[in-house]
Amino acid sequence: GHSIPKEISVGLEESDAIIILYSKNYKDSTYCNDEWE
């Protein structure tokens, strides 16, 4: 029931770093690219 974009935004805001598991599936995912960008 939580807002996915809002929770992701909060997660990014509160994190000291981001680990990117970059794969073919990751490259093709708009959501994944939005996160690291």
PDB file of all heavy atoms in Angstrom:
ATOM      1  N   GLY A   1       0.782  -1.224   0.000  1.00  0.00           N
ATOM      2  CA  GLY A   1       0.000   0.000   0.000  1.00  0.00           C
ATOM      3  C   GLY A   1       0.815   1.275   0.000  1.00  0.00           C
ATOM      4  O   GLY A   1       0.268   2.361  -0.195  1.00  0.00           O
ATOM      5  N   HIS A   2       2.135   1.167   0.201  1.00  0.00           N
ATOM      6  CA  HIS A   2       2.977   2.361   0.224  1.00  0.00           C
ATOM      7  C   HIS A   2       3.296   2.818  -1.197  1.00  0.00           C
ATOM      8  O   HIS A   2       3.304   2.016  -2.141  1.00  0.00           O
ATOM      9  CB  HIS A   2       4.280   2.084   0.982  1.00  0.00           C
ATOM     10  CG  HIS A   2       4.086   2.010   2.464  1.00  0.00           C
ATOM     11  ND1 HIS A   2       5.118   2.168   3.364  1.00  0.00           N
ATOM     12  CD2 HIS A   2       2.976   1.802   3.211  1.00  0.00           C
ATOM     13  CE1 HIS A   2       4.658   2.051   4.600  1.00  0.00           C
ATOM     14  NE2 HIS A   2       3.361   1.817   4.522  1.00  0.00           N
ATOM     15  N   SER A   3       3.609   4.090  -1.332  1.00  0.00           N
ATOM     16  CA  SER A   3       3.988   4.651  -2.631  1.00  0.00           C
ATOM     17  C   SER A   3       5.407   4.219  -2.973  1.00  0.00           C
ATOM     18  O   SER A   3       6.364   4.536  -2.245  1.00  0.00           O
ATOM     19  CB  SER A   3       3.918   6.177  -2.584  1.00  0.00           C
ATOM     20  OG  SER A   3       4.571   6.736  -3.704  1.00  0.00           O
ATOM     21  N   ILE A   4       5.571   3.492  -4.077  1.00  0.00           N
ATOM     22  CA  ILE A   4       6.888   2.996  -4.467  1.00  0.00           C
ATOM     23  C   ILE A   4       7.857   4.139  -4.751  1.00  0.00           C
ATOM     24  O   ILE A   4       8.974   4.167  -4.206  1.00  0.00           O
ATOM     25  CB  ILE A   4       6.777   2.037  -5.675  1.00  0.00           C
ATOM     26  CG1 ILE A   4       6.003   0.783  -5.256  1.00  0.00           C
ATOM     27  CG2 ILE A   4       8.171   1.659  -6.192  1.00  0.00           C
ATOM     28  CD1 ILE A   4       5.754  -0.190  -6.384  1.00  0.00           C
ATOM     29  N   PRO A   5       7.494   5.134  -5.599  1.00  0.00           N
ATOM     30  CA  PRO A   5       8.428   6.240  -5.869  1.00  0.00           C
ATOM     31  C   PRO A   5       8.824   7.001  -4.603  1.00  0.00           C
ATOM     32  O   PRO A   5       9.986   7.371  -4.433  1.00  0.00           O
ATOM     33  CB  PRO A   5       7.642   7.137  -6.835  1.00  0.00           C
ATOM     34  CG  PRO A   5       6.670   6.224  -7.482  1.00  0.00           C
ATOM     35  CD  PRO A   5       6.276   5.247  -6.419  1.00  0.00           C
ATOM     36  N   LYS A   6       7.846   7.209  -3.699  1.00  0.00           N
ATOM     37  CA  LYS A   6       8.135   7.955  -2.471  1.00  0.00           C
ATOM     38  C   LYS A   6       9.106   7.183  -1.586  1.00  0.00           C
ATOM     39  O   LYS A   6      10.075   7.757  -1.048  1.00  0.00           O
ATOM     40  CB  LYS A   6       6.841   8.230  -1.709  1.00  0.00           C
ATOM     41  CG  LYS A   6       7.064   9.007  -0.410  1.00  0.00           C
ATOM     42  CD  LYS A   6       5.744   9.256   0.312  1.00  0.00           C
ATOM     43  CE  LYS A   6       5.988   9.998   1.627  1.00  0.00           C
ATOM     44  NZ  LYS A   6       4.720  10.247   2.356  1.00  0.00           N
ATOM     45  N   GLU A   7       8.888   5.887  -1.415  1.00  0.00           N
ATOM     46  CA  GLU A   7       9.754   5.080  -0.551  1.00  0.00           C
ATOM     47  C   GLU A   7      11.169   4.986  -1.128  1.00  0.00           C
ATOM     48  O   GLU A   7      12.154   5.022  -0.386  1.00  0.00           O
ATOM     49  CB  GLU A   7       9.167   3.682  -0.369  1.00  0.00           C
ATOM     50  CG  GLU A   7       7.860   3.647   0.413  1.00  0.00           C
ATOM     51  CD  GLU A   7       8.002   4.184   1.816  1.00  0.00           C
ATOM     52  OE1 GLU A   7       9.042   3.944   2.450  1.00  0.00           O
ATOM     53  OE2 GLU A   7       7.069   4.869   2.282  1.00  0.00           O
ATOM     54  N   ILE A   8      11.269   4.858  -2.450  1.00  0.00           N
ATOM     55  CA  ILE A   8      12.583   4.821  -3.089  1.00  0.00           C
ATOM     56  C   ILE A   8      13.305   6.146  -2.881  1.00  0.00           C
ATOM     57  O   ILE A   8      14.510   6.186  -2.579  1.00  0.00           O
ATOM     58  CB  ILE A   8      12.447   4.504  -4.597  1.00  0.00           C
ATOM     59  CG1 ILE A   8      12.026   3.040  -4.782  1.00  0.00           C
ATOM     60  CG2 ILE A   8      13.770   4.776  -5.331  1.00  0.00           C
ATOM     61  CD1 ILE A   8      11.761   2.657  -6.222  1.00  0.00           C
ATOM     62  N   SER A   9      12.581   7.240  -3.025  1.00  0.00           N
ATOM     63  CA  SER A   9      13.163   8.564  -2.828  1.00  0.00           C
ATOM     64  C   SER A   9      13.701   8.726  -1.410  1.00  0.00           C
ATOM     65  O   SER A   9      14.815   9.226  -1.197  1.00  0.00           O
ATOM     66  CB  SER A   9      12.116   9.642  -3.121  1.00  0.00           C
ATOM     67  OG  SER A   9      12.654  10.927  -2.905  1.00  0.00           O
ATOM     68  N   VAL A  10      12.910   8.274  -0.418  1.00  0.00           N
ATOM     69  CA  VAL A  10      13.349   8.348   0.978  1.00  0.00           C
ATOM     70  C   VAL A  10      14.577   7.464   1.196  1.00  0.00           C
ATOM     71  O   VAL A  10      15.537   7.858   1.884  1.00  0.00           O
ATOM     72  CB  VAL A  10      12.207   7.913   1.926  1.00  0.00           C
ATOM     73  CG1 VAL A  10      12.713   7.774   3.360  1.00  0.00           C
ATOM     74  CG2 VAL A  10      11.064   8.914   1.872  1.00  0.00           C
ATOM     75  N   GLY A  11      14.556   6.272   0.611  1.00  0.00           N
ATOM     76  CA  GLY A  11      15.693   5.359   0.743  1.00  0.00           C
ATOM     77  C   GLY A  11      16.972   5.958   0.199  1.00  0.00           C
ATOM     78  O   GLY A  11      18.043   5.846   0.809  1.00  0.00           O
ATOM     79  N   LEU A  12      16.886   6.615  -0.943  1.00  0.00           N
ATOM     80  CA  LEU A  12      18.055   7.258  -1.549  1.00  0.00           C
ATOM     81  C   LEU A  12      18.539   8.428  -0.694  1.00  0.00           C
ATOM     82  O   LEU A  12      19.742   8.618  -0.499  1.00  0.00           O
ATOM     83  CB  LEU A  12      17.723   7.733  -2.960  1.00  0.00           C
ATOM     84  CG  LEU A  12      17.548   6.632  -4.019  1.00  0.00           C
ATOM     85  CD1 LEU A  12      16.945   7.212  -5.294  1.00  0.00           C
ATOM     86  CD2 LEU A  12      18.874   5.955  -4.325  1.00  0.00           C
ATOM     87  N   GLU A  13      17.598   9.193  -0.194  1.00  0.00           N
ATOM     88  CA  GLU A  13      17.930  10.369   0.622  1.00  0.00           C
ATOM     89  C   GLU A  13      18.694   9.959   1.883  1.00  0.00           C
ATOM     90  O   GLU A  13      19.637  10.635   2.296  1.00  0.00           O
ATOM     91  CB  GLU A  13      16.649  11.104   1.035  1.00  0.00           C
ATOM     92  CG  GLU A  13      15.957  11.856  -0.072  1.00  0.00           C
ATOM     93  CD  GLU A  13      16.489  13.272  -0.248  1.00  0.00           C
ATOM     94  OE1 GLU A  13      17.347  13.675   0.567  1.00  0.00           O
ATOM     95  OE2 GLU A  13      16.062  13.948  -1.193  1.00  0.00           O
ATOM     96  N   GLU A  14      18.287   8.855   2.491  1.00  0.00           N
ATOM     97  CA  GLU A  14      18.846   8.462   3.780  1.00  0.00           C
ATOM     98  C   GLU A  14      20.092   7.584   3.667  1.00  0.00           C
ATOM     99  O   GLU A  14      20.690   7.230   4.684  1.00  0.00           O
ATOM    100  CB  GLU A  14      17.780   7.715   4.592  1.00  0.00           C
ATOM    101  CG  GLU A  14      16.591   8.581   4.983  1.00  0.00           C
ATOM    102  CD  GLU A  14      15.551   7.821   5.784  1.00  0.00           C
ATOM    103  OE1 GLU A  14      15.667   6.565   5.850  1.00  0.00           O
ATOM    104  OE2 GLU A  14      14.634   8.456   6.331  1.00  0.00           O
ATOM    105  N   SER A  15      20.486   7.260   2.455  1.00  0.00           N
ATOM    106  CA  SER A  15      21.619   6.349   2.271  1.00  0.00           C
ATOM    107  C   SER A  15      22.941   7.093   2.085  1.00  0.00           C
ATOM    108  O   SER A  15      22.988   8.163   1.474  1.00  0.00           O
ATOM    109  CB  SER A  15      21.371   5.442   1.061  1.00  0.00           C
ATOM    110  OG  SER A  15      20.277   4.577   1.303  1.00  0.00           O
ATOM    111  N   ASP A  16      24.001   6.490   2.611  1.00  0.00           N
ATOM    112  CA  ASP A  16      25.341   7.052   2.464  1.00  0.00           C
ATOM    113  C   ASP A  16      25.929   6.709   1.101  1.00  0.00           C
ATOM    114  O   ASP A  16      26.863   7.368   0.642  1.00  0.00           O
ATOM    115  CB  ASP A  16      26.258   6.497   3.557  1.00  0.00           C
ATOM    116  CG  ASP A  16      25.740   6.812   4.950  1.00  0.00           C
ATOM    117  OD1 ASP A  16      25.708   7.998   5.302  1.00  0.00           O
ATOM    118  OD2 ASP A  16      25.354   5.872   5.666  1.00  0.00           O
ATOM    119  N   ALA A  17      25.406   5.655   0.483  1.00  0.00           N
ATOM    120  CA  ALA A  17      25.939   5.221  -0.809  1.00  0.00           C
ATOM    121  C   ALA A  17      24.892   4.374  -1.525  1.00  0.00           C
ATOM    122  O   ALA A  17      23.883   3.969  -0.932  1.00  0.00           O
ATOM    123  CB  ALA A  17      27.223   4.417  -0.601  1.00  0.00           C
ATOM    124  N   ILE A  18      25.140   4.121  -2.804  1.00  0.00           N
ATOM    125  CA  ILE A  18      24.266   3.250  -3.584  1.00  0.00           C
ATOM    126  C   ILE A  18      25.116   2.160  -4.231  1.00  0.00           C
ATOM    127  O   ILE A  18      26.158   2.428  -4.834  1.00  0.00           O
ATOM    128  CB  ILE A  18      23.492   4.040  -4.664  1.00  0.00           C
ATOM    129  CG1 ILE A  18      22.548   3.117  -5.448  1.00  0.00           C
ATOM    130  CG2 ILE A  18      24.430   4.797  -5.599  1.00  0.00           C
ATOM    131  CD1 ILE A  18      21.612   3.856  -6.399  1.00  0.00           C
ATOM    132  N   ILE A  19      24.697   0.920  -4.051  1.00  0.00           N
ATOM    133  CA  ILE A  19      25.334  -0.219  -4.716  1.00  0.00           C
ATOM    134  C   ILE A  19      24.510  -0.529  -5.962  1.00  0.00           C
ATOM    135  O   ILE A  19      23.297  -0.739  -5.864  1.00  0.00           O
ATOM    136  CB  ILE A  19      25.387  -1.455  -3.804  1.00  0.00           C
ATOM    137  CG1 ILE A  19      26.285  -1.189  -2.595  1.00  0.00           C
ATOM    138  CG2 ILE A  19      25.888  -2.680  -4.566  1.00  0.00           C
ATOM    139  CD1 ILE A  19      26.251  -2.297  -1.555  1.00  0.00           C
ATOM    140  N   ILE A  20      25.159  -0.561  -7.099  1.00  0.00           N
ATOM    141  CA  ILE A  20      24.465  -0.822  -8.364  1.00  0.00           C
ATOM    142  C   ILE A  20      24.829  -2.217  -8.850  1.00  0.00           C
ATOM    143  O   ILE A  20      25.989  -2.491  -9.160  1.00  0.00           O
ATOM    144  CB  ILE A  20      24.857   0.219  -9.436  1.00  0.00           C
ATOM    145  CG1 ILE A  20      24.510   1.630  -8.950  1.00  0.00           C
ATOM    146  CG2 ILE A  20      24.173  -0.081 -10.749  1.00  0.00           C
ATOM    147  CD1 ILE A  20      25.075   2.725  -9.839  1.00  0.00           C
ATOM    148  N   LEU A  21      23.856  -3.114  -8.892  1.00  0.00           N
ATOM    149  CA  LEU A  21      24.076  -4.461  -9.444  1.00  0.00           C
ATOM    150  C   LEU A  21      23.748  -4.381 -10.932  1.00  0.00           C
ATOM    151  O   LEU A  21      22.622  -4.640 -11.358  1.00  0.00           O
ATOM    152  CB  LEU A  21      23.197  -5.482  -8.723  1.00  0.00           C
ATOM    153  CG  LEU A  21      23.406  -5.611  -7.208  1.00  0.00           C
ATOM    154  CD1 LEU A  21      22.535  -6.722  -6.654  1.00  0.00           C
ATOM    155  CD2 LEU A  21      24.868  -5.853  -6.876  1.00  0.00           C
ATOM    156  N   TYR A  22      24.767  -4.003 -11.696  1.00  0.00           N
ATOM    157  CA  TYR A  22      24.530  -3.695 -13.111  1.00  0.00           C
ATOM    158  C   TYR A  22      24.584  -4.960 -13.971  1.00  0.00           C
ATOM    159  O   TYR A  22      25.579  -5.673 -14.002  1.00  0.00           O
ATOM    160  CB  TYR A  22      25.573  -2.694 -13.621  1.00  0.00           C
ATOM    161  CG  TYR A  22      25.124  -1.983 -14.872  1.00  0.00           C
ATOM    162  CD1 TYR A  22      24.280  -0.875 -14.794  1.00  0.00           C
ATOM    163  CD2 TYR A  22      25.513  -2.428 -16.125  1.00  0.00           C
ATOM    164  CE1 TYR A  22      23.839  -0.230 -15.943  1.00  0.00           C
ATOM    165  CE2 TYR A  22      25.081  -1.791 -17.275  1.00  0.00           C
ATOM    166  CZ  TYR A  22      24.249  -0.695 -17.175  1.00  0.00           C
ATOM    167  OH  TYR A  22      23.803  -0.062 -18.313  1.00  0.00           O
ATOM    168  N   SER A  23      23.478  -5.228 -14.640  1.00  0.00           N
ATOM    169  CA  SER A  23      23.342  -6.418 -15.480  1.00  0.00           C
ATOM    170  C   SER A  23      22.558  -6.043 -16.736  1.00  0.00           C
ATOM    171  O   SER A  23      22.129  -4.893 -16.904  1.00  0.00           O
ATOM    172  CB  SER A  23      22.605  -7.522 -14.720  1.00  0.00           C
ATOM    173  OG  SER A  23      21.277  -7.098 -14.425  1.00  0.00           O
ATOM    174  N   LYS A  24      22.352  -7.006 -17.608  1.00  0.00           N
ATOM    175  CA  LYS A  24      21.546  -6.759 -18.814  1.00  0.00           C
ATOM    176  C   LYS A  24      20.120  -6.371 -18.421  1.00  0.00           C
ATOM    177  O   LYS A  24      19.509  -5.496 -19.038  1.00  0.00           O
ATOM    178  CB  LYS A  24      21.541  -8.011 -19.698  1.00  0.00           C
ATOM    179  CG  LYS A  24      22.911  -8.344 -20.273  1.00  0.00           C
ATOM    180  CD  LYS A  24      22.907  -9.673 -21.014  1.00  0.00           C
ATOM    181  CE  LYS A  24      24.309 -10.009 -21.514  1.00  0.00           C
ATOM    182  NZ  LYS A  24      24.374 -11.342 -22.154  1.00  0.00           N
ATOM    183  N   ASN A  25      19.598  -7.058 -17.410  1.00  0.00           N
ATOM    184  CA  ASN A  25      18.244  -6.733 -16.942  1.00  0.00           C
ATOM    185  C   ASN A  25      18.191  -5.333 -16.342  1.00  0.00           C
ATOM    186  O   ASN A  25      17.219  -4.609 -16.515  1.00  0.00           O
ATOM    187  CB  ASN A  25      17.792  -7.764 -15.901  1.00  0.00           C
ATOM    188  CG  ASN A  25      17.559  -9.132 -16.511  1.00  0.00           C
ATOM    189  OD1 ASN A  25      16.747  -9.296 -17.406  1.00  0.00           O
ATOM    190  ND2 ASN A  25      18.285 -10.117 -16.028  1.00  0.00           N
ATOM    191  N   TYR A  26      19.246  -4.963 -15.637  1.00  0.00           N
ATOM    192  CA  TYR A  26      19.306  -3.631 -15.039  1.00  0.00           C
ATOM    193  C   TYR A  26      19.328  -2.569 -16.135  1.00  0.00           C
ATOM    194  O   TYR A  26      18.606  -1.568 -16.063  1.00  0.00           O
ATOM    195  CB  TYR A  26      20.564  -3.516 -14.179  1.00  0.00           C
ATOM    196  CG  TYR A  26      20.613  -2.281 -13.308  1.00  0.00           C
ATOM    197  CD1 TYR A  26      20.324  -2.351 -11.952  1.00  0.00           C
ATOM    198  CD2 TYR A  26      20.967  -1.040 -13.832  1.00  0.00           C
ATOM    199  CE1 TYR A  26      20.364  -1.232 -11.138  1.00  0.00           C
ATOM    200  CE2 TYR A  26      21.013   0.087 -13.037  1.00  0.00           C
ATOM    201  CZ  TYR A  26      20.714  -0.010 -11.690  1.00  0.00           C
ATOM    202  OH  TYR A  26      20.749   1.119 -10.906  1.00  0.00           O
ATOM    203  N   LYS A  27      20.144  -2.790 -17.139  1.00  0.00           N
ATOM    204  CA  LYS A  27      20.275  -1.821 -18.231  1.00  0.00           C
ATOM    205  C   LYS A  27      18.935  -1.549 -18.903  1.00  0.00           C
ATOM    206  O   LYS A  27      18.647  -0.415 -19.302  1.00  0.00           O
ATOM    207  CB  LYS A  27      21.275  -2.346 -19.272  1.00  0.00           C
ATOM    208  CG  LYS A  27      21.470  -1.416 -20.470  1.00  0.00           C
ATOM    209  CD  LYS A  27      22.418  -2.023 -21.482  1.00  0.00           C
ATOM    210  CE  LYS A  27      22.555  -1.104 -22.696  1.00  0.00           C
ATOM    211  NZ  LYS A  27      23.461  -1.688 -23.711  1.00  0.00           N
ATOM    212  N   ASP A  28      18.112  -2.592 -19.020  1.00  0.00           N
ATOM    213  CA  ASP A  28      16.828  -2.468 -19.717  1.00  0.00           C
ATOM    214  C   ASP A  28      15.704  -1.950 -18.821  1.00  0.00           C
ATOM    215  O   ASP A  28      14.575  -1.785 -19.286  1.00  0.00           O
ATOM    216  CB  ASP A  28      16.422  -3.830 -20.298  1.00  0.00           C
ATOM    217  CG  ASP A  28      17.396  -4.309 -21.379  1.00  0.00           C
ATOM    218  OD1 ASP A  28      18.062  -3.455 -21.992  1.00  0.00           O
ATOM    219  OD2 ASP A  28      17.470  -5.536 -21.590  1.00  0.00           O
ATOM    220  N   SER A  29      16.002  -1.715 -17.548  1.00  0.00           N
ATOM    221  CA  SER A  29      14.966  -1.278 -16.611  1.00  0.00           C
ATOM    222  C   SER A  29      14.985   0.240 -16.429  1.00  0.00           C
ATOM    223  O   SER A  29      15.979   0.805 -15.967  1.00  0.00           O
ATOM    224  CB  SER A  29      15.161  -1.952 -15.250  1.00  0.00           C
ATOM    225  OG  SER A  29      14.328  -1.377 -14.280  1.00  0.00           O
ATOM    226  N   THR A  30      13.894   0.888 -16.759  1.00  0.00           N
ATOM    227  CA  THR A  30      13.782   2.335 -16.570  1.00  0.00           C
ATOM    228  C   THR A  30      13.869   2.700 -15.102  1.00  0.00           C
ATOM    229  O   THR A  30      14.546   3.667 -14.719  1.00  0.00           O
ATOM    230  CB  THR A  30      12.448   2.852 -17.144  1.00  0.00           C
ATOM    231  OG1 THR A  30      12.377   2.523 -18.527  1.00  0.00           O
ATOM    232  CG2 THR A  30      12.330   4.359 -16.969  1.00  0.00           C
ATOM    233  N   TYR A  31      13.193   1.927 -14.235  1.00  0.00           N
ATOM    234  CA  TYR A  31      13.203   2.208 -12.800  1.00  0.00           C
ATOM    235  C   TYR A  31      14.624   2.141 -12.230  1.00  0.00           C
ATOM    236  O   TYR A  31      15.021   2.999 -11.429  1.00  0.00           O
ATOM    237  CB  TYR A  31      12.312   1.214 -12.055  1.00  0.00           C
ATOM    238  CG  TYR A  31      10.839   1.426 -12.278  1.00  0.00           C
ATOM    239  CD1 TYR A  31      10.086   0.515 -13.013  1.00  0.00           C
ATOM    240  CD2 TYR A  31      10.185   2.543 -11.754  1.00  0.00           C
ATOM    241  CE1 TYR A  31       8.719   0.715 -13.230  1.00  0.00           C
ATOM    242  CE2 TYR A  31       8.825   2.747 -11.955  1.00  0.00           C
ATOM    243  CZ  TYR A  31       8.099   1.830 -12.699  1.00  0.00           C
ATOM    244  OH  TYR A  31       6.750   2.034 -12.912  1.00  0.00           O
ATOM    245  N   CYS A  32      15.375   1.118 -12.621  1.00  0.00           N
ATOM    246  CA  CYS A  32      16.742   0.960 -12.114  1.00  0.00           C
ATOM    247  C   CYS A  32      17.615   2.140 -12.516  1.00  0.00           C
ATOM    248  O   CYS A  32      18.349   2.701 -11.690  1.00  0.00           O
ATOM    249  CB  CYS A  32      17.354  -0.341 -12.624  1.00  0.00           C
ATOM    250  SG  CYS A  32      16.631  -1.837 -11.911  1.00  0.00           S
ATOM    251  N   ASN A  33      17.537   2.520 -13.771  1.00  0.00           N
ATOM    252  CA  ASN A  33      18.352   3.645 -14.241  1.00  0.00           C
ATOM    253  C   ASN A  33      17.942   4.948 -13.570  1.00  0.00           C
ATOM    254  O   ASN A  33      18.781   5.805 -13.290  1.00  0.00           O
ATOM    255  CB  ASN A  33      18.242   3.758 -15.766  1.00  0.00           C
ATOM    256  CG  ASN A  33      19.055   2.693 -16.473  1.00  0.00           C
ATOM    257  OD1 ASN A  33      20.274   2.762 -16.538  1.00  0.00           O
ATOM    258  ND2 ASN A  33      18.384   1.672 -16.989  1.00  0.00           N
ATOM    259  N   ASP A  34      16.663   5.099 -13.302  1.00  0.00           N
ATOM    260  CA  ASP A  34      16.193   6.288 -12.588  1.00  0.00           C
ATOM    261  C   ASP A  34      16.811   6.376 -11.193  1.00  0.00           C
ATOM    262  O   ASP A  34      17.125   7.469 -10.702  1.00  0.00           O
ATOM    263  CB  ASP A  34      14.665   6.275 -12.465  1.00  0.00           C
ATOM    264  CG  ASP A  34      13.970   6.639 -13.768  1.00  0.00           C
ATOM    265  OD1 ASP A  34      14.661   7.124 -14.688  1.00  0.00           O
ATOM    266  OD2 ASP A  34      12.740   6.432 -13.864  1.00  0.00           O
ATOM    267  N   GLU A  35      17.003   5.212 -10.531  1.00  0.00           N
ATOM    268  CA  GLU A  35      17.538   5.206  -9.169  1.00  0.00           C
ATOM    269  C   GLU A  35      18.963   5.729  -9.113  1.00  0.00           C
ATOM    270  O   GLU A  35      19.270   6.653  -8.353  1.00  0.00           O
ATOM    271  CB  GLU A  35      17.470   3.781  -8.595  1.00  0.00           C
ATOM    272  CG  GLU A  35      16.060   3.326  -8.270  1.00  0.00           C
ATOM    273  CD  GLU A  35      15.973   1.865  -7.887  1.00  0.00           C
ATOM    274  OE1 GLU A  35      17.014   1.170  -7.878  1.00  0.00           O
ATOM    275  OE2 GLU A  35      14.854   1.396  -7.597  1.00  0.00           O
ATOM    276  N   TRP A  36      19.846   5.157  -9.943  1.00  0.00           N
ATOM    277  CA  TRP A  36      21.240   5.594  -9.841  1.00  0.00           C
ATOM    278  C   TRP A  36      21.427   6.993 -10.406  1.00  0.00           C
ATOM    279  O   TRP A  36      22.258   7.774  -9.911  1.00  0.00           O
ATOM    280  CB  TRP A  36      22.187   4.584 -10.496  1.00  0.00           C
ATOM    281  CG  TRP A  36      22.313   4.632 -12.005  1.00  0.00           C
ATOM    282  CD1 TRP A  36      21.712   3.815 -12.896  1.00  0.00           C
ATOM    283  CD2 TRP A  36      23.126   5.535 -12.766  1.00  0.00           C
ATOM    284  NE1 TRP A  36      22.071   4.153 -14.178  1.00  0.00           N
ATOM    285  CE2 TRP A  36      22.948   5.201 -14.123  1.00  0.00           C
ATOM    286  CE3 TRP A  36      23.975   6.589 -12.460  1.00  0.00           C
ATOM    287  CZ2 TRP A  36      23.583   5.873 -15.169  1.00  0.00           C
ATOM    288  CZ3 TRP A  36      24.616   7.272 -13.484  1.00  0.00           C
ATOM    289  CH2 TRP A  36      24.422   6.915 -14.826  1.00  0.00           C
ATOM    290  N   GLU A  37      20.649   7.357 -11.428  1.00  0.00           N
ATOM    291  CA  GLU A  37      20.757   8.702 -11.984  1.00  0.00           C
ATOM    292  C   GLU A  37      20.292   9.751 -10.971  1.00  0.00           C
ATOM    293  O   GLU A  37      20.881  10.829 -10.852  1.00  0.00           O
ATOM    294  CB  GLU A  37      19.940   8.804 -13.269  1.00  0.00           C
ATOM    295  CG  GLU A  37      20.578   8.049 -14.437  1.00  0.00           C
ATOM    296  CD  GLU A  37      19.683   8.000 -15.664  1.00  0.00           C
ATOM    297  OE1 GLU A  37      18.577   8.584 -15.616  1.00  0.00           O
ATOM    298  OE2 GLU A  37      20.091   7.387 -16.673  1.00  0.00           O
TER     299      GLU A  37
END
